[in-house]
Amino acid sequence: MSDLELCYLPATEAIARFKAKTLSPVELLEALIRRAEEVEPVINAFTYRHFDEAMDKVRNEMKLSDINAEYVADSFQALAIT
């Protein structure tokens, strides 16, 4: 799956893939970050970038649980909103 396809993956599909272990939250976040960095010079939409913090949060959550998919999905939603 391409980065662009991952960026438009519905949250319900991402959760299903996390649970099936066919996609990791880190892989999804990396794709989202690459896309954000790619389009930022054109759209100039980001005042703040918290990519490192988001990645730390996802990695820590993966260590603490057997992938709490709902929590991870909420984290991605929060990243998209901020």
Protein backbone atom coordinates (compact mmCIF):
# COMPACT_ATOMS: atom_id res chain seq x y z
CA MET A 1 0.00 0.00 0.00
CA SER A 2 1.39 3.39 -0.97
CA ASP A 3 1.87 6.28 1.45
CA LEU A 4 -0.99 8.15 -0.19
CA GLU A 5 -3.32 5.16 0.18
CA LEU A 6 -2.36 4.88 3.84
CA CYS A 7 -3.08 8.58 4.36
CA TYR A 8 -6.64 8.10 3.11
CA LEU A 9 -7.22 4.81 4.93
CA PRO A 10 -10.40 5.04 7.03
CA ALA A 11 -9.78 4.78 10.77
CA THR A 12 -11.97 1.67 10.99
CA GLU A 13 -9.79 -0.04 8.36
CA ALA A 14 -6.61 1.07 10.12
CA ILE A 15 -7.89 -0.39 13.41
CA ALA A 16 -8.77 -3.66 11.68
CA ARG A 17 -5.29 -3.81 10.18
CA PHE A 18 -3.66 -3.00 13.53
CA LYS A 19 -5.59 -5.83 15.16
CA ALA A 20 -4.71 -8.23 12.31
CA LYS A 21 -1.10 -7.05 12.58
CA THR A 22 -0.97 -6.34 8.84
CA LEU A 23 -0.21 -2.68 9.53
CA SER A 24 1.55 -1.13 12.49
CA PRO A 25 0.65 2.25 13.95
CA VAL A 26 4.26 3.29 13.41
CA GLU A 27 4.02 2.48 9.68
CA LEU A 28 0.83 4.51 9.37
CA LEU A 29 2.25 7.46 11.28
CA GLU A 30 5.44 7.41 9.21
CA ALA A 31 3.33 7.59 6.02
CA LEU A 32 1.28 10.47 7.44
CA ILE A 33 4.40 12.38 8.44
CA ARG A 34 6.04 11.87 5.04
CA ARG A 35 2.88 13.14 3.32
CA ALA A 36 2.61 16.14 5.63
CA GLU A 37 6.23 17.07 4.98
CA GLU A 38 5.73 16.60 1.23
CA VAL A 39 2.73 18.92 0.93
CA GLU A 40 3.64 21.48 3.59
CA PRO A 41 5.69 23.76 1.31
CA VAL A 42 2.66 24.11 -0.98
CA ILE A 43 -0.19 24.34 1.54
CA ASN A 44 1.67 26.08 4.39
CA ALA A 45 -0.85 24.76 6.91
CA PHE A 46 1.22 23.71 9.89
CA THR A 47 2.04 26.21 12.58
CA TYR A 48 3.46 23.53 14.86
CA ARG A 49 4.77 20.10 14.05
CA HIS A 50 4.69 17.53 16.82
CA PHE A 51 5.79 14.58 14.73
CA ASP A 52 8.45 13.38 17.18
CA GLU A 53 6.03 13.54 20.10
CA ALA A 54 3.38 11.69 18.11
CA MET A 55 5.86 8.97 17.16
CA ASP A 56 7.02 8.64 20.78
CA LYS A 57 3.41 8.37 21.93
CA VAL A 58 2.60 5.62 19.41
CA ARG A 59 5.76 3.67 20.18
CA ASN A 60 5.18 3.92 23.93
CA GLU A 61 1.58 2.76 23.59
CA MET A 62 2.68 -0.21 21.51
CA LYS A 63 5.14 -1.15 24.25
CA LEU A 64 2.52 -0.84 27.00
CA SER A 65 -0.15 -2.98 25.40
CA ASP A 66 -0.85 -5.50 22.73
CA ILE A 67 -1.85 -2.52 20.57
CA ASN A 68 -4.81 -0.79 22.09
CA ALA A 69 -6.22 0.04 18.65
CA GLU A 70 -8.85 2.51 19.83
CA TYR A 71 -6.27 4.56 21.74
CA VAL A 72 -3.91 4.59 18.77
CA ALA A 73 -6.75 5.65 16.45
CA ASP A 74 -7.57 8.50 18.82
CA SER A 75 -3.93 9.57 18.72
CA PHE A 76 -4.00 9.69 14.94
CA GLN A 77 -7.22 11.67 15.01
CA ALA A 78 -5.68 14.16 17.43
CA LEU A 79 -2.65 14.51 15.15
CA ALA A 80 -4.90 15.25 12.18
CA ILE A 81 -6.83 17.89 14.13
CA THR A 82 -3.83 19.79 15.53
